[in-house]
Amino acid sequence: MKSSFGKSVLISNTRIAMPVGIFTGLQLTGATIRDCLTRAETQIETIMALHDHLNPDVLLTAMDLSVEAELFGSEIVMSDHEIPTVVGRRLTSLSEIENLSIPEIGDGRTRVQLETCDRLVKNVKIPVFGSTIGPLSLAGRLFGVSETMMMSMTDPVALHRLLEKVTQFLINYLMAFRGVGTTGIIMAEPVAGLLSPSGLGQFSSHYIKQIVQKTVNEEFTIILHNCGARLIHLEKILESGAEIYHFSSPMDLLKALKKVDHEVILGGNLDPTHIFFNGTEENTFEHTSLLMERTSEYQNFIISSGCDIPPNSPIKNLETFFKTVREFQQ
């Protein structure tokens, strides 16, 4: 099913620019990362500061991949100036997986994400995308990433049981985003890039397909983000049935664009650290111009950072990115 947003990308006369990451906006507001991720009001102020400064094509909420694990009971380390991290393991055995309860949507910081989207949708006229983690990556946060990789080989039955639970939770969560009028979700599934293509298909795409089938409609879509995926993974990633796929620098985007149907939309893949954080304005201009030129024949492409742009990235680089995209098209 094609969403309204997907249709708009394919018929647009201009290239949609969608860098991922709102934390650069903290330079405009003076707020902390902690406040941005725990208070909807602060997150909205941060997003709107970037909106007023950059005039983007879409609005994105914060990519915070600790929200869902924290709600399941994982321990989180959060500070004023660093992205939150999950510490330790919430689950260590099959019995703990069987006893794991699916938490209520709206509890914890899911409330912040939903309230942020709700208020943005009511106050802006451009698409608004929320953010969630993917099923395998959430399983990895709960059971441990290396342990989850091992479990995929030694005890796939247990891993499937865990994935069934987190998938149901994510379906509930996405339906809540859909319910407040959000255009869609960027679903980050980085752990899947650590698997073989067959493993990715079995333990990631299989479950994302269930989420897509239950949540996507004409007014709501999923952008599936995998920052570790390579061209060898592409075929299995496409089995998820998502409408839009977002990749980072490991993916050969030009070869990927040649492989997919012209109605399958790809996005990415300017390196967030090398270009936006460590790069100069000249460096940003050169890489953005080159990617615009190389992808100019593809309507099914959204130019973007390959992943979340780190906090404290120079805002001048974001300004240069948008200016370059717009001037290139003129």
Protein backbone atom coordinates (compact mmCIF):
# COMPACT_ATOMS: atom_id res chain seq x y z
CA MET A 1 0.00 0.00 0.00
CA LYS A 2 1.32 3.43 -0.95
CA SER A 3 0.98 6.12 1.70
CA SER A 4 0.25 9.74 0.93
CA PHE A 5 3.80 10.59 1.93
CA GLY A 6 5.29 7.91 -0.31
CA LYS A 7 3.21 9.14 -3.25
CA SER A 8 4.35 12.71 -2.62
CA VAL A 9 8.01 11.65 -2.75
CA LEU A 10 7.55 9.89 -6.07
CA ILE A 11 5.73 12.77 -7.77
CA SER A 12 7.64 15.68 -6.22
CA ASN A 13 9.45 18.05 -8.57
CA THR A 14 12.16 18.55 -5.96
CA ARG A 15 14.38 16.26 -3.93
CA ILE A 16 13.13 15.83 -0.37
CA ALA A 17 15.87 16.50 2.18
CA MET A 18 15.54 14.75 5.53
CA PRO A 19 18.60 14.77 7.79
CA VAL A 20 18.01 12.61 10.86
CA GLY A 21 18.61 14.19 14.23
CA ILE A 22 17.25 17.05 16.29
CA PHE A 23 19.98 17.52 18.87
CA THR A 24 21.71 20.23 16.83
CA GLY A 25 18.68 22.31 17.73
CA LEU A 26 19.83 22.36 21.37
CA GLN A 27 22.41 24.94 20.25
CA LEU A 28 19.49 27.22 19.46
CA THR A 29 17.50 26.63 22.64
CA GLY A 30 20.20 26.00 25.26
CA ALA A 31 18.33 22.96 26.60
CA THR A 32 19.98 19.69 27.60
CA ILE A 33 19.63 16.26 26.02
CA ARG A 34 18.05 15.00 29.25
CA ASP A 35 15.36 17.69 29.15
CA CYS A 36 14.78 17.12 25.44
CA LEU A 37 14.12 13.41 25.97
CA THR A 38 12.09 13.65 29.19
CA ARG A 39 9.90 16.70 28.50
CA ALA A 40 7.69 16.96 25.43
CA GLU A 41 7.68 20.76 25.73
CA THR A 42 11.48 20.91 25.44
CA GLN A 43 11.59 18.45 22.55
CA ILE A 44 8.96 20.45 20.67
CA GLU A 45 10.87 23.70 21.28
CA THR A 46 14.03 22.05 19.95
CA ILE A 47 12.32 20.69 16.84
CA MET A 48 10.57 23.99 16.13
CA ALA A 49 13.81 25.92 16.58
CA LEU A 50 15.32 23.81 13.79
CA HIS A 51 12.13 24.23 11.76
CA ASP A 52 12.31 28.01 11.97
CA HIS A 53 16.05 28.05 11.30
CA LEU A 54 16.29 25.53 8.45
CA ASN A 55 12.79 25.30 6.93
CA PRO A 56 12.98 21.49 6.49
CA ASP A 57 10.71 19.36 4.31
CA VAL A 58 9.68 17.10 7.21
CA LEU A 59 9.88 17.18 10.99
CA LEU A 60 11.45 14.33 12.94
CA THR A 61 11.28 13.64 16.64
CA ALA A 62 14.32 12.56 18.65
CA MET A 63 15.84 9.20 17.75
CA ASP A 64 16.14 7.74 21.23
CA LEU A 65 16.58 3.97 21.15
CA SER A 66 16.42 3.57 24.92
CA VAL A 67 12.75 4.52 25.34
CA GLU A 68 11.26 1.11 24.66
CA ALA A 69 13.86 -0.91 26.58
CA GLU A 70 13.43 1.35 29.61
CA LEU A 71 9.68 0.77 29.53
CA PHE A 72 10.34 -3.00 29.55
CA GLY A 73 12.43 -2.53 32.70
CA SER A 74 15.98 -2.09 31.42
CA GLU A 75 18.38 0.12 33.34
CA ILE A 76 19.14 3.38 31.53
CA VAL A 77 22.03 5.79 31.99
CA MET A 78 21.03 9.31 31.06
CA SER A 79 22.95 12.58 31.32
CA ASP A 80 22.57 16.18 30.26
CA HIS A 81 24.98 15.95 27.34
CA GLU A 82 25.04 12.32 26.11
CA ILE A 83 22.53 10.10 24.32
CA PRO A 84 20.99 7.62 26.84
CA THR A 85 22.39 4.12 26.91
CA VAL A 86 21.05 0.78 28.12
CA VAL A 87 23.25 -0.95 30.67
CA GLY A 88 23.20 -4.57 31.70
CA ARG A 89 20.67 -7.19 30.62
CA ARG A 90 16.99 -7.15 31.46
CA LEU A 91 16.61 -10.80 30.40
CA THR A 92 19.00 -13.74 30.77
CA SER A 93 16.90 -16.89 30.26
CA LEU A 94 13.95 -18.42 28.45
CA SER A 95 11.90 -18.42 31.65
CA GLU A 96 12.42 -14.68 32.00
CA ILE A 97 11.37 -14.21 28.38
CA GLU A 98 8.19 -16.24 29.01
CA ASN A 99 7.38 -14.14 32.07
CA LEU A 100 8.05 -10.82 30.35
CA SER A 101 4.99 -8.58 30.35
CA ILE A 102 4.18 -6.27 27.45
CA PRO A 103 4.07 -2.75 28.91
CA GLU A 104 1.32 -0.22 28.36
CA ILE A 105 1.74 2.41 25.68
CA GLY A 106 1.77 5.89 27.17
CA ASP A 107 3.76 4.84 30.22
CA GLY A 108 7.34 6.02 30.72
CA ARG A 109 8.88 8.13 27.99
CA THR A 110 6.59 6.77 25.28
CA ARG A 111 4.27 9.49 26.57
CA VAL A 112 6.87 12.12 25.69
CA GLN A 113 7.25 10.81 22.15
CA LEU A 114 3.50 10.58 21.56
CA GLU A 115 2.76 13.99 23.04
CA THR A 116 5.52 15.54 20.95
CA CYS A 117 4.04 14.11 17.75
CA ASP A 118 0.49 15.00 18.74
CA ARG A 119 1.32 18.66 19.30
CA LEU A 120 3.53 18.97 16.24
CA VAL A 121 0.85 17.48 13.97
CA LYS A 122 -1.64 20.04 15.27
CA ASN A 123 0.68 23.00 14.70
CA VAL A 124 2.61 22.42 11.46
CA LYS A 125 1.59 21.68 7.89
CA ILE A 126 4.52 19.48 6.89
CA PRO A 127 4.92 15.72 7.53
CA VAL A 128 5.81 14.67 11.08
CA PHE A 129 7.70 11.42 11.77
CA GLY A 130 8.15 9.78 15.13
CA SER A 131 10.91 7.34 16.04
CA THR A 132 11.02 3.80 17.39
CA ILE A 133 13.47 0.95 17.66
CA GLY A 134 13.02 -2.19 15.54
CA PRO A 135 12.06 -5.60 16.96
CA LEU A 136 15.44 -7.35 16.76
CA SER A 137 17.26 -4.30 18.07
CA LEU A 138 14.83 -4.07 20.99
CA ALA A 139 15.40 -7.76 21.69
CA GLY A 140 19.13 -7.01 21.68
CA ARG A 141 18.66 -4.20 24.18
CA LEU A 142 16.76 -6.50 26.51
CA PHE A 143 18.81 -9.70 26.19
CA GLY A 144 22.19 -8.21 25.21
CA VAL A 145 23.33 -7.73 21.64
CA SER A 146 26.08 -10.37 21.57
CA GLU A 147 23.88 -12.77 23.53
CA THR A 148 21.02 -12.21 21.05
CA MET A 149 23.35 -12.94 18.14
CA MET A 150 24.40 -16.16 19.84
CA MET A 151 20.80 -17.07 20.67
CA SER A 152 19.87 -16.78 16.98
CA MET A 153 22.14 -19.78 16.41
CA THR A 154 21.87 -21.78 19.63
CA ASP A 155 18.26 -21.22 20.72
CA PRO A 156 16.20 -19.67 17.89
CA VAL A 157 12.95 -20.81 19.55
CA ALA A 158 13.67 -18.56 22.55
CA LEU A 159 14.60 -15.64 20.31
CA HIS A 160 11.40 -16.05 18.30
CA ARG A 161 9.41 -16.00 21.54
CA LEU A 162 11.05 -12.74 22.59
CA LEU A 163 10.53 -11.26 19.13
CA GLU A 164 6.84 -12.16 19.24
CA LYS A 165 6.44 -10.14 22.43
CA VAL A 166 8.36 -7.06 21.37
CA THR A 167 6.64 -7.11 17.98
CA GLN A 168 3.22 -6.96 19.62
CA PHE A 169 4.44 -4.07 21.76
CA LEU A 170 5.72 -2.22 18.68
CA ILE A 171 2.44 -2.75 16.84
CA ASN A 172 0.64 -1.18 19.80
CA TYR A 173 3.14 1.69 19.91
CA LEU A 174 2.89 2.45 16.19
CA MET A 175 -0.88 2.37 16.33
CA ALA A 176 -0.67 5.03 19.04
CA PHE A 177 1.53 7.16 16.79
CA ARG A 178 -0.92 6.64 13.97
CA GLY A 179 -3.76 7.59 16.28
CA VAL A 180 -2.37 11.07 16.92
CA GLY A 181 -1.98 11.73 13.20
CA THR A 182 1.75 11.13 12.78
CA THR A 183 2.79 10.77 9.13
CA GLY A 184 4.92 7.76 9.97
CA ILE A 185 7.77 6.30 11.96
CA ILE A 186 11.49 5.95 11.41
CA MET A 187 12.12 2.46 12.76
CA ALA A 188 15.78 1.91 13.62
CA GLU A 189 16.92 -1.71 13.29
CA PRO A 190 20.74 -1.51 13.51
CA VAL A 191 21.27 -4.94 15.12
CA ALA A 192 19.88 -6.66 12.01
CA GLY A 193 22.92 -5.48 10.06
CA LEU A 194 25.08 -7.75 12.24
CA LEU A 195 23.36 -10.89 10.94
CA SER A 196 23.79 -12.83 7.72
CA PRO A 197 21.16 -12.07 5.07
CA SER A 198 19.24 -15.24 5.96
CA GLY A 199 19.39 -14.40 9.66
CA LEU A 200 18.18 -10.88 8.95
CA GLY A 201 15.25 -12.27 7.02
CA GLN A 202 14.32 -14.75 9.74
CA PHE A 203 14.77 -12.59 12.84
CA SER A 204 14.11 -9.06 11.57
CA SER A 205 12.23 -8.75 8.28
CA HIS A 206 9.75 -11.48 9.24
CA TYR A 207 8.62 -9.45 12.25
CA ILE A 208 8.80 -6.03 10.64
CA LYS A 209 6.51 -7.39 7.93
CA GLN A 210 3.94 -8.17 10.63
CA ILE A 211 4.24 -4.60 11.94
CA VAL A 212 3.86 -3.18 8.43
CA GLN A 213 0.77 -5.27 7.74
CA LYS A 214 -0.88 -4.21 11.01
CA THR A 215 -0.06 -0.48 11.00
CA VAL A 216 0.64 0.99 7.55
CA ASN A 217 -2.18 2.62 5.62
CA GLU A 218 -2.64 5.55 3.23
CA GLU A 219 -1.96 8.06 6.00
CA PHE A 220 0.80 6.27 7.92
CA THR A 221 4.07 4.75 6.73
CA ILE A 222 7.27 3.19 8.05
CA ILE A 223 10.79 4.29 7.14
CA LEU A 224 12.98 1.29 7.98
CA HIS A 225 16.46 2.41 9.01
CA ASN A 226 19.41 0.01 9.11
CA CYS A 227 22.76 1.75 9.54
CA GLY A 228 24.80 -1.46 9.30
CA ALA A 229 23.18 -3.03 6.24
CA ARG A 230 25.19 -3.71 3.10
CA LEU A 231 24.14 -4.52 -0.42
CA ILE A 232 24.20 -8.24 0.39
CA HIS A 233 21.37 -7.63 2.90
CA LEU A 234 19.13 -5.66 0.54
CA GLU A 235 17.00 -8.49 -0.83
CA LYS A 236 16.11 -9.77 2.63
CA ILE A 237 15.47 -6.27 3.98
CA LEU A 238 12.97 -5.68 1.19
CA GLU A 239 11.02 -8.73 2.39
CA SER A 240 9.82 -6.60 5.30
CA GLY A 241 7.43 -4.86 2.93
CA ALA A 242 8.19 -1.37 4.20
CA GLU A 243 7.61 1.51 1.81
CA ILE A 244 10.83 3.45 2.50
CA TYR A 245 14.30 2.18 3.45
CA HIS A 246 17.01 4.33 5.01
CA PHE A 247 20.69 3.36 4.96
CA SER A 248 24.08 4.60 6.12
CA SER A 249 27.52 4.53 4.52
CA PRO A 250 27.97 0.69 4.41
CA MET A 251 25.20 0.51 1.80
CA ASP A 252 26.16 1.13 -1.84
CA LEU A 253 23.19 3.37 -2.54
CA LEU A 254 23.69 3.65 -6.29
CA LYS A 255 23.75 -0.11 -6.74
CA ALA A 256 20.80 -0.43 -4.38
CA LEU A 257 18.79 2.11 -6.39
CA LYS A 258 19.51 0.12 -9.53
CA LYS A 259 18.26 -3.08 -7.88
CA VAL A 260 14.96 -1.89 -6.43
CA ASP A 261 11.67 -1.20 -8.17
CA HIS A 262 11.21 2.47 -9.05
CA GLU A 263 8.39 2.74 -6.49
CA VAL A 264 10.57 1.50 -3.62
CA ILE A 265 11.97 4.59 -1.92
CA LEU A 266 15.51 4.64 -0.51
CA GLY A 267 17.10 7.27 1.70
CA GLY A 268 20.47 8.20 3.18
CA ASN A 269 23.47 8.10 3.29
CA LEU A 270 25.72 11.06 4.11
CA ASP A 271 28.00 9.99 6.95
CA PRO A 272 26.72 11.73 10.11
CA THR A 273 30.07 11.78 11.89
CA HIS A 274 32.50 12.36 9.03
CA ILE A 275 30.38 15.00 7.28
CA PHE A 276 28.03 16.63 9.79
CA PHE A 277 30.03 16.35 13.03
CA ASN A 278 33.69 16.45 12.00
CA GLY A 279 33.27 17.98 8.56
CA THR A 280 33.51 21.58 7.41
CA GLU A 281 31.00 23.57 5.40
CA GLU A 282 33.12 22.93 2.30
CA ASN A 283 33.21 19.22 3.06
CA THR A 284 29.43 19.14 3.56
CA PHE A 285 28.89 20.99 0.29
CA GLU A 286 31.13 18.61 -1.66
CA HIS A 287 29.57 15.39 -0.33
CA THR A 288 26.00 16.66 -0.61
CA SER A 289 26.56 17.91 -4.16
CA LEU A 290 28.15 14.64 -5.20
CA LEU A 291 25.30 12.55 -3.80
CA MET A 292 22.72 14.83 -5.42
CA GLU A 293 24.49 14.48 -8.75
CA ARG A 294 24.87 10.70 -8.56
CA THR A 295 21.22 10.15 -7.64
CA SER A 296 19.70 12.82 -9.89
CA GLU A 297 18.01 10.29 -12.20
CA TYR A 298 16.19 8.57 -9.32
CA GLN A 299 12.89 10.02 -8.18
CA ASN A 300 12.63 7.33 -5.48
CA PHE A 301 15.40 8.78 -3.33
CA ILE A 302 15.40 10.96 -0.20
CA ILE A 303 18.71 12.64 0.59
CA SER A 304 19.54 12.34 4.26
CA SER A 305 22.19 11.69 6.84
CA GLY A 306 22.99 8.01 7.07
CA CYS A 307 22.08 7.92 10.75
CA ASP A 308 21.36 10.19 13.71
CA ILE A 309 23.49 13.35 13.55
CA PRO A 310 25.54 13.58 16.78
CA PRO A 311 24.87 16.30 19.35
CA ASN A 312 27.09 19.38 19.03
CA SER A 313 27.48 18.95 15.28
CA PRO A 314 28.07 22.42 13.80
CA ILE A 315 24.75 23.88 12.78
CA LYS A 316 26.53 25.53 9.85
CA ASN A 317 26.92 22.08 8.30
CA LEU A 318 23.17 21.53 8.41
CA GLU A 319 22.62 24.96 6.91
CA THR A 320 25.07 24.08 4.13
CA PHE A 321 23.32 20.76 3.53
CA PHE A 322 19.91 22.36 2.96
CA LYS A 323 21.34 25.22 0.92
CA THR A 324 23.26 22.80 -1.30
CA VAL A 325 20.21 20.60 -1.96
CA ARG A 326 18.04 23.60 -2.84
CA GLU A 327 20.58 25.36 -5.04
CA PHE A 328 21.43 22.14 -6.87
CA GLN A 329 17.81 21.75 -7.91
CA GLN A 330 17.59 25.32 -9.20
